[in-house]
N, C-alpha and C. Protein backbone atom coordinates (compact mmCIF):
# COMPACT_ATOMS: atom_id res chain seq x y z
N UNK A 1 0.89 -0.98 -0.04
CA UNK A 1 0.16 0.14 0.00
C UNK A 1 0.68 1.52 -0.13
N UNK A 2 0.52 2.05 -1.02
CA UNK A 2 1.62 3.39 -1.39
C UNK A 2 0.77 4.51 -1.27
N UNK A 3 0.75 5.22 -0.37
CA UNK A 3 0.90 6.66 -0.26
C UNK A 3 0.78 7.36 -1.93
N UNK A 4 0.02 8.04 -2.63
CA UNK A 4 0.35 8.56 -3.59
C UNK A 4 -0.59 9.99 -3.46
N UNK A 5 0.13 10.98 -4.11
CA UNK A 5 -0.58 11.95 -4.35
C UNK A 5 -1.03 11.90 -5.93
N UNK A 6 -2.83 12.10 -5.75
CA UNK A 6 -3.01 12.47 -7.39
C UNK A 6 -3.38 13.73 -7.54
N UNK A 7 -2.78 14.12 -8.57
CA UNK A 7 -2.69 15.74 -8.97
C UNK A 7 -4.38 16.20 -9.25
N UNK A 8 -5.12 15.09 -9.75
CA UNK A 8 -6.48 15.62 -9.88
C UNK A 8 -7.08 16.44 -8.70
N UNK A 9 -6.76 16.23 -7.60
CA UNK A 9 -7.09 16.71 -6.33
C UNK A 9 -6.65 17.91 -6.14
N UNK A 10 -5.39 18.18 -6.56
CA UNK A 10 -4.52 19.57 -6.50
C UNK A 10 -5.06 20.83 -6.43
N UNK A 11 -5.01 22.03 -5.83
CA UNK A 11 -5.97 23.04 -6.20
C UNK A 11 -6.75 23.71 -5.08
N UNK A 12 -7.54 24.34 -5.36
CA UNK A 12 -8.35 25.44 -4.47
C UNK A 12 -10.16 25.16 -4.69
N UNK A 13 -10.80 24.20 -3.93
CA UNK A 13 -12.27 23.93 -3.86
C UNK A 13 -13.03 24.55 -2.95
N UNK A 14 -14.47 24.15 -2.88
CA UNK A 14 -14.89 24.49 -2.47
C UNK A 14 -16.14 23.61 -2.06
N UNK A 15 -16.97 23.92 -1.41
CA UNK A 15 -18.22 22.70 -0.91
C UNK A 15 -19.04 23.15 -0.03
N UNK A 16 -19.80 22.13 0.45
CA UNK A 16 -20.98 22.31 1.67
C UNK A 16 -21.46 20.99 1.77
N UNK A 17 -21.83 21.13 3.27
CA UNK A 17 -22.45 19.66 3.56
C UNK A 17 -24.56 19.94 3.22
N UNK A 18 -24.38 21.33 3.15
CA UNK A 18 -25.80 21.27 2.74
C UNK A 18 -26.95 21.46 3.85
N UNK A 19 -26.35 21.27 4.97
CA UNK A 19 -26.98 21.09 6.13
C UNK A 19 -27.91 19.92 6.51
N UNK A 20 -26.69 18.69 6.14
CA UNK A 20 -27.24 17.46 6.04
C UNK A 20 -27.02 16.99 7.25
N UNK A 21 -25.48 17.25 7.86
CA UNK A 21 -24.83 16.49 8.87
C UNK A 21 -25.45 16.51 10.12
N UNK A 22 -25.73 17.90 10.50
CA UNK A 22 -26.01 18.21 11.69
C UNK A 22 -27.59 19.36 11.75
N UNK A 23 -28.45 19.15 12.23
CA UNK A 23 -29.78 19.96 12.24
C UNK A 23 -29.29 20.72 12.53
N UNK A 24 -29.80 22.05 11.83
CA UNK A 24 -29.50 23.90 12.62
C UNK A 24 -28.53 24.35 12.28
N UNK A 25 -27.57 23.42 11.16
CA UNK A 25 -26.44 24.25 10.72
C UNK A 25 -25.63 23.83 9.35
N UNK A 26 -25.47 24.57 8.53
CA UNK A 26 -24.89 24.61 7.44
C UNK A 26 -23.54 24.71 7.25
N UNK A 27 -22.63 23.95 6.82
CA UNK A 27 -21.06 23.88 6.47
C UNK A 27 -20.75 23.96 5.43
N UNK A 28 -19.62 25.35 5.42
CA UNK A 28 -19.38 25.46 3.84
C UNK A 28 -17.78 25.50 3.94
N UNK A 29 -16.86 25.28 2.87
CA UNK A 29 -15.68 25.33 3.39
C UNK A 29 -14.93 25.72 1.96
N UNK A 30 -13.47 25.85 2.09
CA UNK A 30 -12.54 26.92 0.94
C UNK A 30 -11.50 25.62 0.88
N UNK A 31 -11.17 24.18 0.47
CA UNK A 31 -9.88 23.75 0.64
C UNK A 31 -9.35 24.31 -0.02
N UNK A 32 -7.64 23.77 0.12
CA UNK A 32 -6.35 24.10 -0.81
C UNK A 32 -5.43 23.15 -0.51
N UNK A 33 -5.62 22.20 -1.75
CA UNK A 33 -4.89 20.90 -1.70
C UNK A 33 -3.72 21.09 -2.60
N UNK A 34 -2.68 21.03 -1.82
CA UNK A 34 -1.33 21.28 -2.53
C UNK A 34 -0.56 19.83 -3.16
N UNK A 35 0.15 20.14 -3.97
CA UNK A 35 1.02 19.02 -4.66
C UNK A 35 1.88 18.22 -3.55
N UNK A 36 2.34 18.83 -2.81
CA UNK A 36 3.07 18.44 -1.52
C UNK A 36 2.11 17.02 -0.81
N UNK A 37 1.14 17.13 -0.77
CA UNK A 37 0.59 15.88 0.08
C UNK A 37 -0.27 17.09 1.16
N UNK A 38 0.01 18.34 1.23
CA UNK A 38 -0.44 19.31 2.39
C UNK A 38 -2.08 20.21 2.07
N UNK A 39 -2.74 19.98 2.94
CA UNK A 39 -3.72 20.96 2.61
C UNK A 39 -4.19 22.23 3.81
N UNK A 40 -4.93 23.19 3.50
CA UNK A 40 -5.39 24.20 4.33
C UNK A 40 -6.80 24.06 3.81
N UNK A 41 -7.77 24.41 5.06
CA UNK A 41 -9.03 24.62 4.83
C UNK A 41 -9.76 25.48 5.47
N UNK A 42 -10.45 26.47 5.33
CA UNK A 42 -11.75 27.36 6.25
C UNK A 42 -12.59 26.80 6.06
N UNK A 43 -13.46 26.69 7.23
CA UNK A 43 -14.63 26.01 7.64
C UNK A 43 -15.81 27.42 7.47
N UNK A 44 -16.55 27.13 7.62
CA UNK A 44 -17.66 28.13 7.81
C UNK A 44 -19.17 27.99 8.02
N UNK A 45 -19.46 27.79 9.42
CA UNK A 45 -20.56 27.39 9.99
C UNK A 45 -21.74 28.48 10.62
N UNK A 46 -22.79 28.23 9.74
CA UNK A 46 -24.19 28.89 9.73
C UNK A 46 -24.98 28.32 10.63
N UNK A 47 -25.61 28.89 11.46
CA UNK A 47 -26.54 27.87 12.43
C UNK A 47 -27.70 28.75 12.43
N UNK A 48 -28.97 28.51 12.63
CA UNK A 48 -29.73 28.77 12.18
C UNK A 48 -30.85 29.71 12.92
N UNK A 49 -29.76 30.29 13.97
CA UNK A 49 -30.26 31.61 14.86
C UNK A 49 -29.77 32.80 14.19
N UNK A 50 -29.12 32.57 13.44
CA UNK A 50 -28.62 33.76 12.17
C UNK A 50 -26.90 34.27 12.15
N UNK A 51 -26.69 32.92 13.62
CA UNK A 51 -25.17 33.26 13.90
C UNK A 51 -24.00 32.53 12.85
N UNK A 52 -22.69 32.77 13.03
CA UNK A 52 -21.59 32.12 11.99
C UNK A 52 -20.69 32.08 12.87
N UNK A 53 -19.63 31.10 12.79
CA UNK A 53 -18.25 30.87 12.66
C UNK A 53 -17.57 30.63 11.89
N UNK A 54 -16.32 31.13 11.86
CA UNK A 54 -15.15 30.32 11.15
C UNK A 54 -13.74 29.63 11.66
N UNK A 55 -13.67 28.56 10.95
CA UNK A 55 -11.94 28.37 11.85
C UNK A 55 -11.44 27.15 10.51
N UNK A 56 -9.75 27.28 10.80
CA UNK A 56 -9.20 26.93 9.81
C UNK A 56 -8.40 25.68 10.37
N UNK A 57 -8.14 24.79 9.07
CA UNK A 57 -7.11 23.57 9.87
C UNK A 57 -6.15 23.02 8.85
N UNK A 58 -5.66 22.71 9.10
CA UNK A 58 -4.43 22.04 8.10
C UNK A 58 -3.98 20.66 8.53
N UNK A 59 -3.24 19.82 7.43
CA UNK A 59 -3.36 18.84 7.60
C UNK A 59 -2.93 18.36 6.47
N UNK A 60 -3.11 16.56 6.05
CA UNK A 60 -2.16 15.81 4.87
C UNK A 60 -3.36 14.93 4.20
N UNK A 61 -2.97 14.92 2.86
CA UNK A 61 -3.87 14.28 2.38
C UNK A 61 -3.26 13.24 1.26
N UNK A 62 -4.03 12.31 1.32
CA UNK A 62 -3.17 11.27 0.05
C UNK A 62 -4.28 10.11 -0.45
N UNK A 63 -3.54 9.26 -1.50
CA UNK A 63 -4.88 8.08 -1.93
C UNK A 63 -3.66 6.96 -2.32
N UNK A 64 -4.58 6.04 -1.36
CA UNK A 64 -4.04 4.40 -1.44
C UNK A 64 -5.07 3.85 -1.69
N UNK A 65 -4.98 3.03 -3.01
CA UNK A 65 -5.21 1.82 -3.38
C UNK A 65 -7.00 2.66 -3.69
N UNK A 66 -7.23 4.17 -4.52
CA UNK A 66 -8.57 4.18 -5.20
C UNK A 66 -9.45 5.04 -3.51
N UNK A 67 -8.67 4.92 -2.38
CA UNK A 67 -9.56 5.54 -1.44
C UNK A 67 -8.58 6.62 -1.12
N UNK A 68 -9.44 7.75 -0.88
CA UNK A 68 -8.97 9.02 -0.48
C UNK A 68 -8.87 9.63 1.10
N UNK A 69 -7.56 10.01 1.89
CA UNK A 69 -7.21 10.08 2.88
C UNK A 69 -7.22 11.49 3.71
N UNK A 70 -7.62 11.82 4.79
CA UNK A 70 -7.39 13.08 5.04
C UNK A 70 -6.99 13.18 6.44
N UNK A 71 -5.76 13.63 7.00
CA UNK A 71 -5.46 13.97 8.11
C UNK A 71 -5.59 15.36 8.75
N UNK A 72 -6.42 15.61 9.65
CA UNK A 72 -6.50 16.74 10.12
C UNK A 72 -5.71 16.72 11.44
N UNK A 73 -5.12 17.77 11.49
CA UNK A 73 -3.70 17.54 12.93
C UNK A 73 -4.62 18.76 14.12
N UNK A 74 -5.64 19.39 13.84
CA UNK A 74 -6.65 20.14 15.10
C UNK A 74 -7.11 18.78 15.61
N UNK A 75 -7.97 17.27 15.22
CA UNK A 75 -8.20 16.22 16.04
C UNK A 75 -7.48 15.20 15.84
N UNK A 76 -6.13 15.26 15.40
CA UNK A 76 -5.05 14.00 14.87
C UNK A 76 -6.17 12.54 14.63
N UNK A 77 -7.22 13.06 13.58
CA UNK A 77 -8.07 11.95 12.99
C UNK A 77 -7.96 11.79 11.12
N UNK A 78 -7.80 10.76 10.67
CA UNK A 78 -7.84 10.45 9.67
C UNK A 78 -8.99 10.29 9.13
N UNK A 79 -9.57 10.76 8.26
CA UNK A 79 -10.95 10.37 7.62
C UNK A 79 -10.72 9.75 6.59
N UNK A 80 -11.20 8.76 5.56
CA UNK A 80 -11.27 7.61 4.46
C UNK A 80 -12.19 8.17 3.73
N UNK A 81 -12.21 8.17 2.46
CA UNK A 81 -13.27 8.49 1.78
C UNK A 81 -13.14 7.79 0.42
N UNK A 82 -14.61 6.99 -0.37
CA UNK A 82 -14.74 6.75 -1.34
C UNK A 82 -14.49 8.22 -2.30
N UNK A 83 -13.90 7.98 -3.44
CA UNK A 83 -14.20 9.21 -4.45
C UNK A 83 -14.42 8.98 -6.18
N UNK A 84 -14.98 9.83 -6.64
CA UNK A 84 -15.60 9.90 -7.95
C UNK A 84 -15.22 11.21 -8.42
N UNK A 85 -14.53 10.96 -9.62
CA UNK A 85 -14.51 12.41 -10.31
C UNK A 85 -15.74 12.37 -11.37
N UNK A 86 -17.04 13.24 -10.77
CA UNK A 86 -17.96 13.57 -11.83
C UNK A 86 -17.60 14.36 -13.22
N UNK A 87 -16.59 14.99 -12.97
CA UNK A 87 -15.95 15.74 -14.18
C UNK A 87 -14.33 16.17 -13.46
N UNK A 88 -13.92 16.74 -14.53
CA UNK A 88 -12.16 16.98 -13.47
C UNK A 88 -12.64 18.29 -12.59
N UNK A 89 -13.70 19.08 -12.55
CA UNK A 89 -13.70 19.87 -11.91
C UNK A 89 -14.73 19.42 -10.73
N UNK A 90 -15.18 18.28 -10.67
CA UNK A 90 -16.40 17.96 -9.55
C UNK A 90 -16.06 16.15 -9.26
N UNK A 91 -15.26 16.40 -7.05
CA UNK A 91 -15.43 15.25 -6.90
C UNK A 91 -16.43 14.94 -5.63
N UNK A 92 -17.05 13.65 -5.93
CA UNK A 92 -17.98 13.33 -5.21
C UNK A 92 -17.01 11.90 -4.11
N UNK A 93 -17.41 12.99 -3.00
CA UNK A 93 -16.67 11.95 -1.68
C UNK A 93 -17.63 11.19 -1.13
N UNK A 94 -17.77 9.96 -0.34
CA UNK A 94 -18.32 9.14 0.12
C UNK A 94 -17.90 8.29 1.50
N UNK A 95 -17.96 8.91 2.79
CA UNK A 95 -17.15 8.76 3.94
C UNK A 95 -17.02 6.98 4.29
N UNK A 96 -15.87 6.74 4.44
CA UNK A 96 -15.70 5.16 4.70
C UNK A 96 -15.88 5.03 6.17
N UNK A 97 -16.17 3.92 7.07
CA UNK A 97 -16.11 3.74 8.10
C UNK A 97 -16.91 4.86 9.08
N UNK A 98 -17.57 5.30 8.66
CA UNK A 98 -18.04 6.49 9.64
C UNK A 98 -19.01 6.08 10.81
N UNK A 99 -19.04 6.93 12.18
CA UNK A 99 -20.22 6.35 12.60
C UNK A 99 -21.46 7.34 13.03
N UNK A 100 -21.83 7.69 11.73
CA UNK A 100 -22.90 8.09 11.60
C UNK A 100 -23.35 7.55 11.32
N UNK A 101 -25.32 7.26 11.51
CA UNK A 101 -25.68 6.02 10.50
C UNK A 101 -26.33 6.92 9.10
N UNK A 102 -26.41 8.08 9.03
CA UNK A 102 -26.74 8.60 7.55
C UNK A 102 -25.08 8.75 7.04
N UNK A 103 -25.20 8.18 5.93
CA UNK A 103 -24.29 7.88 4.81
C UNK A 103 -23.73 9.50 4.28
N UNK A 104 -22.37 9.77 4.82
CA UNK A 104 -21.83 11.40 4.47
C UNK A 104 -21.29 11.35 3.27
N UNK A 105 -22.11 12.14 2.19
CA UNK A 105 -21.46 12.54 0.96
C UNK A 105 -21.92 13.82 0.95
N UNK A 106 -20.80 14.25 0.22
CA UNK A 106 -20.63 15.45 -0.37
C UNK A 106 -19.62 15.63 -1.73
N UNK A 107 -19.78 16.76 -1.76
CA UNK A 107 -18.94 17.24 -3.36
C UNK A 107 -17.97 18.94 -3.34
N UNK A 108 -16.96 18.34 -3.82
CA UNK A 108 -15.76 19.52 -4.02
C UNK A 108 -16.00 19.88 -5.08
N UNK A 109 -15.95 21.47 -5.34
CA UNK A 109 -16.28 22.02 -6.89
C UNK A 109 -14.89 22.67 -6.92
N UNK A 110 -13.94 22.58 -7.97
CA UNK A 110 -12.87 23.16 -8.16
C UNK A 110 -12.85 24.95 -8.87
N UNK A 111 -12.50 25.69 -8.05
CA UNK A 111 -12.32 26.92 -8.32
C UNK A 111 -11.50 26.83 -9.52
N UNK A 112 -11.88 27.70 -10.60
CA UNK A 112 -10.92 28.06 -11.73
C UNK A 112 -10.09 29.38 -11.16
N UNK A 113 -8.95 29.34 -11.26
CA UNK A 113 -7.97 30.00 -10.81
C UNK A 113 -7.28 31.22 -12.13
N UNK A 114 -7.37 32.15 -12.11
CA UNK A 114 -7.01 33.20 -13.57
C UNK A 114 -5.61 33.30 -13.50
């Protein structure tokens, strides 16, 4: 099992959980995956009471045998996802081994850089 950096994931991406994970909140993110296997992400959470908060995380990402892995330094946790490129600009992720009862599926949309 060799960790690889799949260049299709490199770049700046945006996404949202569309409020499907935790009732009463919607999460948005801007992800920057780098060719060296590191990432930076800004999360913005909007609550139904109208408040919002942002937080920043860093970590590492890689692919092993068609599974995408993301290690977040903040909670020292690695998440694993099946993935499918719906187009070169859209990736669908499906979380593997989640403790959630509901399957966590989301999409990242690549930002066009000038």
